[in-house]
Amino acid sequence: MHALGTHLLVELHGCDPDKLKHVDIVRDTMVSAARACKATVVDVAFHEFNPFGVSGVVVIAESHLSIHTWPEYRYAALDIFTCGTVIKPQEAVEHIALRFGCATPSIVEVKRGVIPGASRKLPHKIPADRPAKASRRPLVAVPS
């Protein structure tokens, strides 16, 4: 089976709640995890909730790493989606689990971009019969 990417859905239980509730710690952990697995960081956006919890995403050239934390439950939900074969998303999981004190992360791996009929590794190029830039329209009208 040839896929464009790998998506890891990760459950982190038993984490250090003090690390999960501070946006600076969570952001630094996620960015350093992206770098540890040799991803190219493109953008970073994180938010700290009141009274606690953090949500954020590290956009990488190869896709993204995202997290949502519940310090009161010592829990974090993590998504790591990478395209290609160079990046090793498991290394990012190991880095994050270690930093948050999670001894046994639960991981579900999903292959993304499995193209019907593709019998070989798929190239990353735009087919000649498709325009290079498709215009995007919003799904819902936004009032101005």
Protein backbone atom coordinates (compact mmCIF):
# COMPACT_ATOMS: atom_id res chain seq x y z
CA MET A 1 0.00 0.00 0.00
CA HIS A 2 1.44 3.35 -1.03
CA ALA A 3 0.35 6.41 0.93
CA LEU A 4 1.17 10.09 0.81
CA GLY A 5 1.53 10.30 4.57
CA THR A 6 1.33 8.79 8.03
CA HIS A 7 -1.01 10.14 10.71
CA LEU A 8 -0.38 9.15 14.32
CA LEU A 9 -3.23 9.61 16.81
CA VAL A 10 -1.63 9.57 20.23
CA GLU A 11 -3.09 9.29 23.74
CA LEU A 12 -0.75 10.51 26.49
CA HIS A 13 -1.95 9.46 29.96
CA GLY A 14 -0.22 10.01 33.30
CA CYS A 15 1.57 13.17 32.20
CA ASP A 16 3.05 15.80 34.52
CA PRO A 17 0.13 18.25 34.95
CA ASP A 18 2.46 21.19 35.64
CA LYS A 19 4.00 20.77 32.19
CA LEU A 20 0.64 20.38 30.43
CA LYS A 21 -0.83 23.63 31.75
CA HIS A 22 1.84 26.09 30.61
CA VAL A 23 1.76 27.26 27.01
CA ASP A 24 5.50 27.98 26.92
CA ILE A 25 6.40 24.43 27.98
CA VAL A 26 3.90 22.80 25.61
CA ARG A 27 4.94 25.00 22.66
CA ASP A 28 8.66 24.42 23.28
CA THR A 29 8.11 20.67 23.59
CA MET A 30 6.15 20.48 20.34
CA VAL A 31 8.62 22.62 18.37
CA SER A 32 11.60 20.68 19.69
CA ALA A 33 9.81 17.41 18.80
CA ALA A 34 9.33 18.61 15.23
CA ARG A 35 13.01 19.47 15.02
CA ALA A 36 14.02 16.17 16.68
CA CYS A 37 12.32 14.19 13.89
CA LYS A 38 14.00 16.45 11.28
CA ALA A 39 10.81 18.23 10.18
CA THR A 40 10.89 21.74 8.74
CA VAL A 41 8.96 24.13 11.02
CA VAL A 42 6.89 26.62 9.01
CA ASP A 43 4.58 28.20 11.62
CA VAL A 44 3.55 27.85 15.25
CA ALA A 45 0.24 28.77 16.97
CA PHE A 46 -0.65 27.98 20.60
CA HIS A 47 -3.28 29.12 23.09
CA GLU A 48 -3.44 28.74 26.88
CA PHE A 49 -6.94 28.38 28.33
CA ASN A 50 -8.17 29.74 31.65
CA PRO A 51 -8.13 28.09 34.16
CA PHE A 52 -5.87 25.55 32.40
CA GLY A 53 -5.14 23.60 29.26
CA VAL A 54 -3.28 24.31 26.06
CA SER A 55 -4.11 23.78 22.39
CA GLY A 56 -1.68 24.29 19.58
CA VAL A 57 -0.24 23.35 16.25
CA VAL A 58 3.20 23.27 14.74
CA VAL A 59 2.85 23.53 10.98
CA ILE A 60 5.69 21.74 9.26
CA ALA A 61 6.54 21.59 5.56
CA GLU A 62 5.72 17.89 5.79
CA SER A 63 2.25 18.55 7.41
CA HIS A 64 1.64 19.20 11.17
CA LEU A 65 1.88 18.32 14.85
CA SER A 66 -1.06 19.32 17.06
CA ILE A 67 -1.90 18.94 20.74
CA HIS A 68 -4.73 19.53 23.21
CA THR A 69 -3.99 19.17 26.93
CA TRP A 70 -6.15 18.46 29.97
CA PRO A 71 -3.79 18.93 32.96
CA GLU A 72 -6.57 18.16 35.44
CA TYR A 73 -6.71 14.63 33.95
CA ARG A 74 -2.93 14.36 33.37
CA TYR A 75 -3.84 13.78 29.70
CA ALA A 76 -2.91 15.12 26.27
CA ALA A 77 -4.25 14.26 22.81
CA LEU A 78 -1.62 14.49 20.10
CA ASP A 79 -1.81 14.28 16.29
CA ILE A 80 1.29 13.96 14.16
CA PHE A 81 0.75 13.94 10.42
CA THR A 82 3.80 13.66 8.17
CA CYS A 83 4.16 13.23 4.44
CA GLY A 84 6.97 11.44 2.65
CA THR A 85 9.44 8.93 4.00
CA VAL A 86 12.16 11.13 5.50
CA ILE A 87 10.38 12.27 8.68
CA LYS A 88 9.94 9.65 11.41
CA PRO A 89 6.81 10.66 13.38
CA GLN A 90 7.46 7.99 16.04
CA GLU A 91 10.57 9.95 17.08
CA ALA A 92 8.40 13.00 17.74
CA VAL A 93 6.03 10.91 19.89
CA GLU A 94 8.93 9.54 21.93
CA HIS A 95 10.32 13.07 22.44
CA ILE A 96 6.97 14.50 23.59
CA ALA A 97 6.08 11.53 25.83
CA LEU A 98 9.47 11.75 27.54
CA ARG A 99 9.19 15.51 28.11
CA PHE A 100 5.65 15.20 29.57
CA GLY A 101 6.45 12.14 31.69
CA CYS A 102 4.17 9.68 29.87
CA ALA A 103 5.66 6.20 30.16
CA THR A 104 3.28 4.38 27.79
CA PRO A 105 1.77 6.44 24.97
CA SER A 106 -1.05 4.78 23.05
CA ILE A 107 -0.61 5.19 19.28
CA VAL A 108 -2.96 4.52 16.38
CA GLU A 109 -1.32 4.80 12.96
CA VAL A 110 -3.39 5.72 9.92
CA LYS A 111 -2.04 5.80 6.38
CA ARG A 112 -3.35 8.95 4.65
CA GLY A 113 -3.58 9.65 0.95
CA VAL A 114 -3.95 6.08 -0.21
CA ILE A 115 -4.85 6.70 -3.84
CA PRO A 116 -7.05 4.01 -5.44
CA GLY A 117 -5.21 2.24 -8.25
CA ALA A 118 -1.75 3.52 -7.27
CA SER A 119 0.61 0.56 -7.46
CA ARG A 120 3.86 2.46 -6.80
CA LYS A 121 5.19 5.26 -4.64
CA LEU A 122 3.32 8.42 -5.51
CA PRO A 123 5.23 11.47 -6.80
CA HIS A 124 4.69 14.85 -5.18
CA LYS A 125 3.76 16.85 -8.25
CA ILE A 126 0.63 18.37 -9.74
CA PRO A 127 -0.74 16.29 -12.61
CA ALA A 128 -0.70 18.04 -16.00
CA ASP A 129 -4.51 17.91 -16.24
CA ARG A 130 -4.98 20.01 -13.03
CA PRO A 131 -4.29 23.70 -12.58
CA ALA A 132 -1.31 24.58 -10.36
CA LYS A 133 -3.43 26.74 -8.04
CA ALA A 134 -7.05 25.96 -7.37
CA SER A 135 -9.13 28.82 -6.05
CA ARG A 136 -10.75 28.13 -2.71
CA ARG A 137 -14.15 29.39 -1.74
CA PRO A 138 -15.36 29.32 1.88
CA LEU A 139 -17.80 26.56 2.74
CA VAL A 140 -19.85 29.00 4.80
CA ALA A 141 -20.42 32.62 3.93
CA VAL A 142 -18.74 34.90 6.45
CA PRO A 143 -20.59 38.16 7.12
CA SER A 144 -18.50 41.26 6.48
